[in-house]
Amino acid sequence: MDGIVPLFKSHYSLGKSILTLSLPDAEYDSEGTKDTSDSIFEIALDRFHHNDPGASDLFLVDDCMSGFLEAYTNTEKINKAPYSKKLKLIFGLRLTFCPDMNDKSEEGRKDSYKNIIFVNNVQGYKQLIKIWTTAAQDGFYYEPRIDFKTLKEFWTKDLLLGIPFYDSFLHRNNFTVSSCIPDFSYVNKPVFFIEDNDTLIDSLLADKVREYCKDKYDVQESKSIYYKNDEDFDSYLTFKCINKRTTVEKPNFDGMCSNNFSYESYRRLVNG
């Protein structure tokens, strides 16, 4: 993966993004007025327009499986006329990992963290469905969860493990009272993502990631994208508040100290 990889999240991750998976044309009414939220596919086409390195790869990292079908279907449509692009969907499920998915206690929840499971092909998708089903049915405690012992039953070379910048075991161990212990003994070599979104911990956490990965694992620069333009931050925050039943005046969101999770901020990084 070359350059800074944009990691998109869609509105299917409830309350965490205001970007849709609709086709670009579906955003406009008969009079040419935009009547829906911005589409990830509209942004994907814009990346082709700018000749971005890796523009043909669409990284979608959602917190559930619900949007995969729409994402896959519209990727296929983008690759045909009238768009005629060569877009490859790279789907990842951002899932909660815990020490023991059968331990449904606050102690077990305290030591939970996030990983991203990417699919490489159709077989990988089938395995990911099994993983998600197990996490949602057997491991559910406030949210779908899985542990590395259970994951081993489903893991194949058709899957790839990504370590997110925020809420990873490194993030949790260094900036909270958690003690998270991953198991990479049987997974394909994981990829660690780092980001710079102008939050207070970005540089410190990036140093921790590089230190941990030195001579062991690959580190990939990335950018989480939840809305299109910087000015959309207010809409994004309002949407989060609605889903969390809080208010804009008192959102009570940990780490909500930057408005740089936009495609516009990604373009600034790419342009130097």
C-alpha atoms as a PDB file:
ATOM      1  CA  MET A   1       0.000   0.000   0.000  1.00  0.00           C
ATOM      2  CA  ASP A   2       1.509   3.296  -1.146  1.00  0.00           C
ATOM      3  CA  GLY A   3       1.081   6.691   0.452  1.00  0.00           C
ATOM      4  CA  ILE A   4      -1.641   7.521   2.951  1.00  0.00           C
ATOM      5  CA  VAL A   5      -4.489   5.012   2.835  1.00  0.00           C
ATOM      6  CA  PRO A   6      -7.972   6.522   3.331  1.00  0.00           C
ATOM      7  CA  LEU A   7     -10.088   4.290   5.590  1.00  0.00           C
ATOM      8  CA  PHE A   8     -13.740   5.101   4.963  1.00  0.00           C
ATOM      9  CA  LYS A   9     -16.568   4.351   7.364  1.00  0.00           C
ATOM     10  CA  SER A  10     -20.203   4.418   6.226  1.00  0.00           C
ATOM     11  CA  HIS A  11     -23.505   5.317   7.882  1.00  0.00           C
ATOM     12  CA  TYR A  12     -24.050   1.598   8.480  1.00  0.00           C
ATOM     13  CA  SER A  13     -21.675   2.048  11.434  1.00  0.00           C
ATOM     14  CA  LEU A  14     -24.443   3.782  13.340  1.00  0.00           C
ATOM     15  CA  GLY A  15     -23.519   7.183  14.684  1.00  0.00           C
ATOM     16  CA  LYS A  16     -19.903   6.981  13.496  1.00  0.00           C
ATOM     17  CA  SER A  17     -20.116   8.347   9.954  1.00  0.00           C
ATOM     18  CA  ILE A  18     -22.443  10.430   7.804  1.00  0.00           C
ATOM     19  CA  LEU A  19     -21.089   9.072   4.512  1.00  0.00           C
ATOM     20  CA  THR A  20     -23.412   6.816   2.528  1.00  0.00           C
ATOM     21  CA  LEU A  21     -22.765   3.945   0.120  1.00  0.00           C
ATOM     22  CA  SER A  22     -25.148   5.225  -2.549  1.00  0.00           C
ATOM     23  CA  LEU A  23     -24.104   5.747  -6.150  1.00  0.00           C
ATOM     24  CA  PRO A  24     -23.076   9.345  -6.938  1.00  0.00           C
ATOM     25  CA  ASP A  25     -26.067   9.933  -9.245  1.00  0.00           C
ATOM     26  CA  ALA A  26     -28.476   8.867  -6.501  1.00  0.00           C
ATOM     27  CA  GLU A  27     -27.494  11.907  -4.422  1.00  0.00           C
ATOM     28  CA  TYR A  28     -29.246  14.357  -6.737  1.00  0.00           C
ATOM     29  CA  ASP A  29     -32.916  14.936  -7.544  1.00  0.00           C
ATOM     30  CA  SER A  30     -34.398  15.556 -11.001  1.00  0.00           C
ATOM     31  CA  GLU A  31     -33.444  19.242 -10.807  1.00  0.00           C
ATOM     32  CA  GLY A  32     -29.823  18.499 -10.022  1.00  0.00           C
ATOM     33  CA  THR A  33     -30.072  19.451  -6.348  1.00  0.00           C
ATOM     34  CA  LYS A  34     -28.225  17.323  -3.843  1.00  0.00           C
ATOM     35  CA  ASP A  35     -30.757  15.747  -1.491  1.00  0.00           C
ATOM     36  CA  THR A  36     -28.757  13.120   0.423  1.00  0.00           C
ATOM     37  CA  SER A  37     -25.542  12.911   2.410  1.00  0.00           C
ATOM     38  CA  ASP A  38     -22.213  12.619   0.611  1.00  0.00           C
ATOM     39  CA  SER A  39     -21.363   9.235  -0.848  1.00  0.00           C
ATOM     40  CA  ILE A  40     -18.150   7.300  -0.385  1.00  0.00           C
ATOM     41  CA  PHE A  41     -18.363   6.390  -4.074  1.00  0.00           C
ATOM     42  CA  GLU A  42     -18.531  10.055  -5.061  1.00  0.00           C
ATOM     43  CA  ILE A  43     -15.314  10.564  -3.108  1.00  0.00           C
ATOM     44  CA  ALA A  44     -13.798   7.454  -4.710  1.00  0.00           C
ATOM     45  CA  LEU A  45     -14.405   8.952  -8.160  1.00  0.00           C
ATOM     46  CA  ASP A  46     -12.842  12.212  -6.990  1.00  0.00           C
ATOM     47  CA  ARG A  47      -9.688  10.294  -6.083  1.00  0.00           C
ATOM     48  CA  PHE A  48      -9.500   9.022  -9.680  1.00  0.00           C
ATOM     49  CA  HIS A  49      -9.874  12.638 -10.813  1.00  0.00           C
ATOM     50  CA  HIS A  50      -6.844  13.624  -8.722  1.00  0.00           C
ATOM     51  CA  ASN A  51      -4.826  10.591  -9.898  1.00  0.00           C
ATOM     52  CA  ASP A  52      -4.183   9.556  -6.303  1.00  0.00           C
ATOM     53  CA  PRO A  53      -1.800   6.646  -5.743  1.00  0.00           C
ATOM     54  CA  GLY A  54      -3.969   3.630  -4.928  1.00  0.00           C
ATOM     55  CA  ALA A  55      -7.149   5.348  -6.132  1.00  0.00           C
ATOM     56  CA  SER A  56      -8.442   2.018  -7.442  1.00  0.00           C
ATOM     57  CA  ASP A  57      -8.536   0.590  -3.889  1.00  0.00           C
ATOM     58  CA  LEU A  58     -11.587   1.461  -1.793  1.00  0.00           C
ATOM     59  CA  PHE A  59     -10.950   0.653   1.865  1.00  0.00           C
ATOM     60  CA  LEU A  60     -14.236   0.404   3.753  1.00  0.00           C
ATOM     61  CA  VAL A  61     -13.886  -0.285   7.487  1.00  0.00           C
ATOM     62  CA  ASP A  62     -17.310  -0.645   9.114  1.00  0.00           C
ATOM     63  CA  ASP A  63     -18.404  -1.769  12.559  1.00  0.00           C
ATOM     64  CA  CYS A  64     -20.949  -4.270  11.221  1.00  0.00           C
ATOM     65  CA  MET A  65     -21.612  -6.364   8.117  1.00  0.00           C
ATOM     66  CA  SER A  66     -24.857  -4.631   7.131  1.00  0.00           C
ATOM     67  CA  GLY A  67     -23.432  -2.396   4.415  1.00  0.00           C
ATOM     68  CA  PHE A  68     -21.286  -4.955   2.612  1.00  0.00           C
ATOM     69  CA  LEU A  69     -23.896  -5.948   0.022  1.00  0.00           C
ATOM     70  CA  GLU A  70     -24.617  -2.353  -1.015  1.00  0.00           C
ATOM     71  CA  ALA A  71     -20.892  -1.587  -1.099  1.00  0.00           C
ATOM     72  CA  TYR A  72     -20.128  -4.640  -3.253  1.00  0.00           C
ATOM     73  CA  THR A  73     -23.070  -4.073  -5.611  1.00  0.00           C
ATOM     74  CA  ASN A  74     -22.247  -0.409  -6.200  1.00  0.00           C
ATOM     75  CA  THR A  75     -18.553  -1.184  -6.668  1.00  0.00           C
ATOM     76  CA  GLU A  76     -19.552  -3.494  -9.507  1.00  0.00           C
ATOM     77  CA  LYS A  77     -21.711  -0.721 -11.015  1.00  0.00           C
ATOM     78  CA  ILE A  78     -18.879   1.810 -10.753  1.00  0.00           C
ATOM     79  CA  ASN A  79     -16.718  -0.562 -12.797  1.00  0.00           C
ATOM     80  CA  LYS A  80     -19.222  -0.512 -15.677  1.00  0.00           C
ATOM     81  CA  ALA A  81     -20.535   2.242 -17.951  1.00  0.00           C
ATOM     82  CA  PRO A  82     -21.163   5.117 -17.473  1.00  0.00           C
ATOM     83  CA  TYR A  83     -18.476   5.261 -14.759  1.00  0.00           C
ATOM     84  CA  SER A  84     -16.100   2.661 -16.231  1.00  0.00           C
ATOM     85  CA  LYS A  85     -13.571   2.698 -13.385  1.00  0.00           C
ATOM     86  CA  LYS A  86     -11.504  -0.159 -12.013  1.00  0.00           C
ATOM     87  CA  LEU A  87     -12.443   0.061  -8.363  1.00  0.00           C
ATOM     88  CA  LYS A  88     -11.569  -2.715  -5.920  1.00  0.00           C
ATOM     89  CA  LEU A  89     -13.537  -2.962  -2.685  1.00  0.00           C
ATOM     90  CA  ILE A  90     -11.362  -3.890   0.310  1.00  0.00           C
ATOM     91  CA  PHE A  91     -13.767  -4.505   3.164  1.00  0.00           C
ATOM     92  CA  GLY A  92     -12.757  -4.668   6.796  1.00  0.00           C
ATOM     93  CA  LEU A  93     -14.851  -5.388   9.886  1.00  0.00           C
ATOM     94  CA  ARG A  94     -13.780  -3.407  12.951  1.00  0.00           C
ATOM     95  CA  LEU A  95     -14.580  -5.803  15.754  1.00  0.00           C
ATOM     96  CA  THR A  96     -14.211  -5.820  19.539  1.00  0.00           C
ATOM     97  CA  PHE A  97     -11.754  -8.373  20.936  1.00  0.00           C
ATOM     98  CA  CYS A  98     -11.771  -9.465  24.570  1.00  0.00           C
ATOM     99  CA  PRO A  99      -9.765 -11.918  26.717  1.00  0.00           C
ATOM    100  CA  ASP A 100     -12.671 -14.393  26.906  1.00  0.00           C
ATOM    101  CA  MET A 101     -15.915 -13.924  24.986  1.00  0.00           C
ATOM    102  CA  ASN A 102     -17.727 -16.115  27.519  1.00  0.00           C
ATOM    103  CA  ASP A 103     -16.758 -13.772  30.354  1.00  0.00           C
ATOM    104  CA  LYS A 104     -19.605 -11.271  30.296  1.00  0.00           C
ATOM    105  CA  SER A 105     -18.439  -9.057  33.118  1.00  0.00           C
ATOM    106  CA  GLU A 106     -17.236  -5.480  33.481  1.00  0.00           C
ATOM    107  CA  GLU A 107     -13.708  -6.748  34.139  1.00  0.00           C
ATOM    108  CA  GLY A 108     -13.631  -8.545  30.804  1.00  0.00           C
ATOM    109  CA  ARG A 109     -15.100  -5.501  29.112  1.00  0.00           C
ATOM    110  CA  LYS A 110     -12.389  -3.263  30.580  1.00  0.00           C
ATOM    111  CA  ASP A 111      -9.673  -5.215  28.777  1.00  0.00           C
ATOM    112  CA  SER A 112     -11.403  -5.142  25.381  1.00  0.00           C
ATOM    113  CA  TYR A 113      -9.967  -3.479  22.286  1.00  0.00           C
ATOM    114  CA  LYS A 114     -10.476  -3.264  18.514  1.00  0.00           C
ATOM    115  CA  ASN A 115      -9.008  -5.087  15.543  1.00  0.00           C
ATOM    116  CA  ILE A 116      -9.931  -4.939  11.855  1.00  0.00           C
ATOM    117  CA  ILE A 117     -10.463  -8.154   9.898  1.00  0.00           C
ATOM    118  CA  PHE A 118     -10.055  -7.623   6.137  1.00  0.00           C
ATOM    119  CA  VAL A 119     -11.262 -10.088   3.510  1.00  0.00           C
ATOM    120  CA  ASN A 120      -9.017 -11.003   0.567  1.00  0.00           C
ATOM    121  CA  ASN A 121     -11.570 -12.878  -1.537  1.00  0.00           C
ATOM    122  CA  VAL A 122     -14.968 -14.599  -1.558  1.00  0.00           C
ATOM    123  CA  GLN A 123     -13.807 -17.342   0.783  1.00  0.00           C
ATOM    124  CA  GLY A 124     -12.580 -14.699   3.180  1.00  0.00           C
ATOM    125  CA  TYR A 125     -16.002 -13.062   3.110  1.00  0.00           C
ATOM    126  CA  LYS A 126     -17.638 -16.378   4.014  1.00  0.00           C
ATOM    127  CA  GLN A 127     -15.270 -16.782   6.954  1.00  0.00           C
ATOM    128  CA  LEU A 128     -15.921 -13.228   8.079  1.00  0.00           C
ATOM    129  CA  ILE A 129     -19.659 -13.916   8.127  1.00  0.00           C
ATOM    130  CA  LYS A 130     -19.011 -16.856  10.466  1.00  0.00           C
ATOM    131  CA  ILE A 131     -16.828 -14.697  12.704  1.00  0.00           C
ATOM    132  CA  TRP A 132     -19.415 -11.906  12.843  1.00  0.00           C
ATOM    133  CA  THR A 133     -22.241 -14.344  13.574  1.00  0.00           C
ATOM    134  CA  THR A 134     -20.296 -15.919  16.426  1.00  0.00           C
ATOM    135  CA  ALA A 135     -19.357 -12.525  17.870  1.00  0.00           C
ATOM    136  CA  ALA A 136     -22.922 -11.215  17.602  1.00  0.00           C
ATOM    137  CA  GLN A 137     -24.640 -14.313  18.987  1.00  0.00           C
ATOM    138  CA  ASP A 138     -22.261 -16.050  21.394  1.00  0.00           C
ATOM    139  CA  GLY A 139     -19.937 -13.219  22.396  1.00  0.00           C
ATOM    140  CA  PHE A 140     -22.415 -10.371  22.647  1.00  0.00           C
ATOM    141  CA  TYR A 141     -22.074  -8.232  25.769  1.00  0.00           C
ATOM    142  CA  TYR A 142     -23.115  -4.617  25.042  1.00  0.00           C
ATOM    143  CA  GLU A 143     -21.696  -5.254  21.550  1.00  0.00           C
ATOM    144  CA  PRO A 144     -20.481  -8.166  19.373  1.00  0.00           C
ATOM    145  CA  ARG A 145     -17.170  -9.536  20.723  1.00  0.00           C
ATOM    146  CA  ILE A 146     -14.721 -12.306  19.982  1.00  0.00           C
ATOM    147  CA  ASP A 147     -11.463 -13.603  21.456  1.00  0.00           C
ATOM    148  CA  PHE A 148      -8.333 -14.887  19.724  1.00  0.00           C
ATOM    149  CA  LYS A 149      -8.951 -18.463  20.899  1.00  0.00           C
ATOM    150  CA  THR A 150     -12.312 -18.527  19.092  1.00  0.00           C
ATOM    151  CA  LEU A 151     -10.970 -16.618  16.094  1.00  0.00           C
ATOM    152  CA  LYS A 152      -8.414 -19.363  15.524  1.00  0.00           C
ATOM    153  CA  GLU A 153     -11.240 -21.757  14.599  1.00  0.00           C
ATOM    154  CA  PHE A 154     -12.198 -19.538  11.637  1.00  0.00           C
ATOM    155  CA  TRP A 155      -8.883 -18.018  10.567  1.00  0.00           C
ATOM    156  CA  THR A 156      -7.560 -18.730   7.084  1.00  0.00           C
ATOM    157  CA  LYS A 157      -5.098 -17.160   4.647  1.00  0.00           C
ATOM    158  CA  ASP A 158      -8.118 -15.487   3.034  1.00  0.00           C
ATOM    159  CA  LEU A 159      -8.229 -12.984   5.906  1.00  0.00           C
ATOM    160  CA  LEU A 160      -5.872 -10.209   6.987  1.00  0.00           C
ATOM    161  CA  LEU A 161      -5.647  -8.613  10.416  1.00  0.00           C
ATOM    162  CA  GLY A 162      -5.351  -4.847  10.629  1.00  0.00           C
ATOM    163  CA  ILE A 163      -4.532  -3.014  13.856  1.00  0.00           C
ATOM    164  CA  PRO A 164      -6.419   0.311  14.003  1.00  0.00           C
ATOM    165  CA  PHE A 165      -4.720   3.434  15.320  1.00  0.00           C
ATOM    166  CA  TYR A 166      -7.392   4.247  17.877  1.00  0.00           C
ATOM    167  CA  ASP A 167      -8.863   1.749  20.362  1.00  0.00           C
ATOM    168  CA  SER A 168      -6.219  -0.869  19.559  1.00  0.00           C
ATOM    169  CA  PHE A 169      -4.472  -2.841  22.300  1.00  0.00           C
ATOM    170  CA  LEU A 170      -1.569  -0.352  22.149  1.00  0.00           C
ATOM    171  CA  HIS A 171      -3.931   2.593  22.503  1.00  0.00           C
ATOM    172  CA  ARG A 172      -5.773   0.994  25.392  1.00  0.00           C
ATOM    173  CA  ASN A 173      -2.653  -0.215  27.206  1.00  0.00           C
ATOM    174  CA  ASN A 174      -0.848   3.130  26.971  1.00  0.00           C
ATOM    175  CA  PHE A 175      -3.678   5.566  27.560  1.00  0.00           C
ATOM    176  CA  THR A 176      -6.152   3.721  29.799  1.00  0.00           C
ATOM    177  CA  VAL A 177      -5.943   1.315  32.752  1.00  0.00           C
ATOM    178  CA  SER A 178      -6.543  -1.683  30.458  1.00  0.00           C
ATOM    179  CA  SER A 179      -4.257  -4.676  30.069  1.00  0.00           C
ATOM    180  CA  CYS A 180      -4.929  -6.038  26.569  1.00  0.00           C
ATOM    181  CA  ILE A 181      -2.919  -9.001  25.248  1.00  0.00           C
ATOM    182  CA  PRO A 182      -3.318  -9.959  21.566  1.00  0.00           C
ATOM    183  CA  ASP A 183      -2.279 -13.259  19.994  1.00  0.00           C
ATOM    184  CA  PHE A 184      -0.689 -12.995  16.547  1.00  0.00           C
ATOM    185  CA  SER A 185       0.804 -16.505  16.596  1.00  0.00           C
ATOM    186  CA  TYR A 186      -1.465 -17.937  13.907  1.00  0.00           C
ATOM    187  CA  VAL A 187      -2.663 -14.934  11.883  1.00  0.00           C
ATOM    188  CA  ASN A 188      -1.033 -13.703   8.712  1.00  0.00           C
ATOM    189  CA  LYS A 189       1.407 -10.887   9.422  1.00  0.00           C
ATOM    190  CA  PRO A 190      -0.792  -8.042  10.759  1.00  0.00           C
ATOM    191  CA  VAL A 191      -0.617  -4.483   9.440  1.00  0.00           C
ATOM    192  CA  PHE A 192      -0.527  -1.621  11.943  1.00  0.00           C
ATOM    193  CA  PHE A 193      -2.154   1.673  10.929  1.00  0.00           C
ATOM    194  CA  ILE A 194      -0.978   5.067  12.146  1.00  0.00           C
ATOM    195  CA  GLU A 195      -2.793   8.377  11.694  1.00  0.00           C
ATOM    196  CA  ASP A 196      -2.377  12.097  12.209  1.00  0.00           C
ATOM    197  CA  ASN A 197      -5.721  13.756  12.841  1.00  0.00           C
ATOM    198  CA  ASP A 198      -4.397  16.568  15.052  1.00  0.00           C
ATOM    199  CA  THR A 199      -5.630  14.942  18.255  1.00  0.00           C
ATOM    200  CA  LEU A 200      -3.667  15.252  21.507  1.00  0.00           C
ATOM    201  CA  ILE A 201      -2.300  11.692  21.501  1.00  0.00           C
ATOM    202  CA  ASP A 202      -1.502  11.157  17.810  1.00  0.00           C
ATOM    203  CA  SER A 203       2.270  11.695  17.936  1.00  0.00           C
ATOM    204  CA  LEU A 204       2.689   9.799  21.216  1.00  0.00           C
ATOM    205  CA  LEU A 205       0.626   6.856  20.027  1.00  0.00           C
ATOM    206  CA  ALA A 206       2.390   6.765  16.647  1.00  0.00           C
ATOM    207  CA  ASP A 207       5.718   6.474  18.491  1.00  0.00           C
ATOM    208  CA  LYS A 208       4.348   3.572  20.539  1.00  0.00           C
ATOM    209  CA  VAL A 209       3.175   1.801  17.376  1.00  0.00           C
ATOM    210  CA  ARG A 210       6.522   2.225  15.605  1.00  0.00           C
ATOM    211  CA  GLU A 211       8.400   1.058  18.686  1.00  0.00           C
ATOM    212  CA  TYR A 212       6.254  -2.072  18.995  1.00  0.00           C
ATOM    213  CA  CYS A 213       6.454  -2.899  15.285  1.00  0.00           C
ATOM    214  CA  LYS A 214      10.176  -2.268  14.786  1.00  0.00           C
ATOM    215  CA  ASP A 215      11.685  -5.111  12.738  1.00  0.00           C
ATOM    216  CA  LYS A 216       8.500  -7.191  13.249  1.00  0.00           C
ATOM    217  CA  TYR A 217       5.416  -5.762  11.567  1.00  0.00           C
ATOM    218  CA  ASP A 218       4.493  -3.384   8.765  1.00  0.00           C
ATOM    219  CA  VAL A 219       3.282   0.116   9.618  1.00  0.00           C
ATOM    220  CA  GLN A 220       0.931   1.874   7.199  1.00  0.00           C
ATOM    221  CA  GLU A 221       0.040   5.571   7.202  1.00  0.00           C
ATOM    222  CA  SER A 222      -3.722   6.003   7.015  1.00  0.00           C
ATOM    223  CA  LYS A 223      -6.574   8.454   7.488  1.00  0.00           C
ATOM    224  CA  SER A 224      -9.998   7.665   8.936  1.00  0.00           C
ATOM    225  CA  ILE A 225     -12.712   9.474   6.972  1.00  0.00           C
ATOM    226  CA  TYR A 226     -16.216   9.950   8.409  1.00  0.00           C
ATOM    227  CA  TYR A 227     -17.441  12.996   6.440  1.00  0.00           C
ATOM    228  CA  LYS A 228     -16.488  14.853   3.273  1.00  0.00           C
ATOM    229  CA  ASN A 229     -15.613  18.448   4.195  1.00  0.00           C
ATOM    230  CA  ASP A 230     -14.300  20.093   7.362  1.00  0.00           C
ATOM    231  CA  GLU A 231     -17.506  22.136   7.586  1.00  0.00           C
ATOM    232  CA  ASP A 232     -19.500  18.885   7.884  1.00  0.00           C
ATOM    233  CA  PHE A 233     -18.111  18.301  11.369  1.00  0.00           C
ATOM    234  CA  ASP A 234     -21.124  19.986  13.001  1.00  0.00           C
ATOM    235  CA  SER A 235     -23.505  17.685  11.118  1.00  0.00           C
ATOM    236  CA  TYR A 236     -21.358  14.697  12.044  1.00  0.00           C
ATOM    237  CA  LEU A 237     -21.326  15.652  15.716  1.00  0.00           C
ATOM    238  CA  THR A 238     -25.085  16.232  15.720  1.00  0.00           C
ATOM    239  CA  PHE A 239     -25.645  12.812  14.157  1.00  0.00           C
ATOM    240  CA  LYS A 240     -23.454  11.185  16.823  1.00  0.00           C
ATOM    241  CA  CYS A 241     -25.365  12.978  19.570  1.00  0.00           C
ATOM    242  CA  ILE A 242     -28.712  11.800  18.199  1.00  0.00           C
ATOM    243  CA  ASN A 243     -27.532   8.190  18.190  1.00  0.00           C
ATOM    244  CA  LYS A 244     -26.035   8.457  21.683  1.00  0.00           C
ATOM    245  CA  ARG A 245     -28.975  10.475  23.011  1.00  0.00           C
ATOM    246  CA  THR A 246     -26.747  13.311  24.150  1.00  0.00           C
ATOM    247  CA  THR A 247     -26.661  16.987  23.130  1.00  0.00           C
ATOM    248  CA  VAL A 248     -24.256  19.087  21.072  1.00  0.00           C
ATOM    249  CA  GLU A 249     -23.687  21.269  24.150  1.00  0.00           C
ATOM    250  CA  LYS A 250     -22.650  18.196  26.195  1.00  0.00           C
ATOM    251  CA  PRO A 251     -21.732  15.400  23.753  1.00  0.00           C
ATOM    252  CA  ASN A 252     -19.627  13.419  26.277  1.00  0.00           C
ATOM    253  CA  PHE A 253     -17.507  11.691  23.609  1.00  0.00           C
ATOM    254  CA  ASP A 254     -13.997  10.572  24.530  1.00  0.00           C
ATOM    255  CA  GLY A 255     -11.341  11.942  22.204  1.00  0.00           C
ATOM    256  CA  MET A 256     -13.709  14.220  20.289  1.00  0.00           C
ATOM    257  CA  CYS A 257     -11.102  16.973  20.042  1.00  0.00           C
ATOM    258  CA  SER A 258     -10.489  17.273  16.307  1.00  0.00           C
ATOM    259  CA  ASN A 259     -12.519  18.011  13.181  1.00  0.00           C
ATOM    260  CA  ASN A 260      -9.904  16.482  10.878  1.00  0.00           C
ATOM    261  CA  PHE A 261     -11.667  13.199  10.100  1.00  0.00           C
ATOM    262  CA  SER A 262     -12.748  14.542   6.723  1.00  0.00           C
ATOM    263  CA  TYR A 263     -11.899  13.822   3.114  1.00  0.00           C
ATOM    264  CA  GLU A 264     -10.885  17.464   2.816  1.00  0.00           C
ATOM    265  CA  SER A 265      -8.211  16.977   5.499  1.00  0.00           C
ATOM    266  CA  TYR A 266      -7.021  13.837   3.674  1.00  0.00           C
ATOM    267  CA  ARG A 267      -6.549  15.916   0.528  1.00  0.00           C
ATOM    268  CA  ARG A 268      -4.435  18.401   2.484  1.00  0.00           C
ATOM    269  CA  LEU A 269      -2.154  15.587   3.637  1.00  0.00           C
ATOM    270  CA  VAL A 270      -1.853  14.145   0.141  1.00  0.00           C
ATOM    271  CA  ASN A 271      -1.017  17.557  -1.316  1.00  0.00           C
ATOM    272  CA  GLY A 272       1.623  18.156   1.336  1.00  0.00           C
END
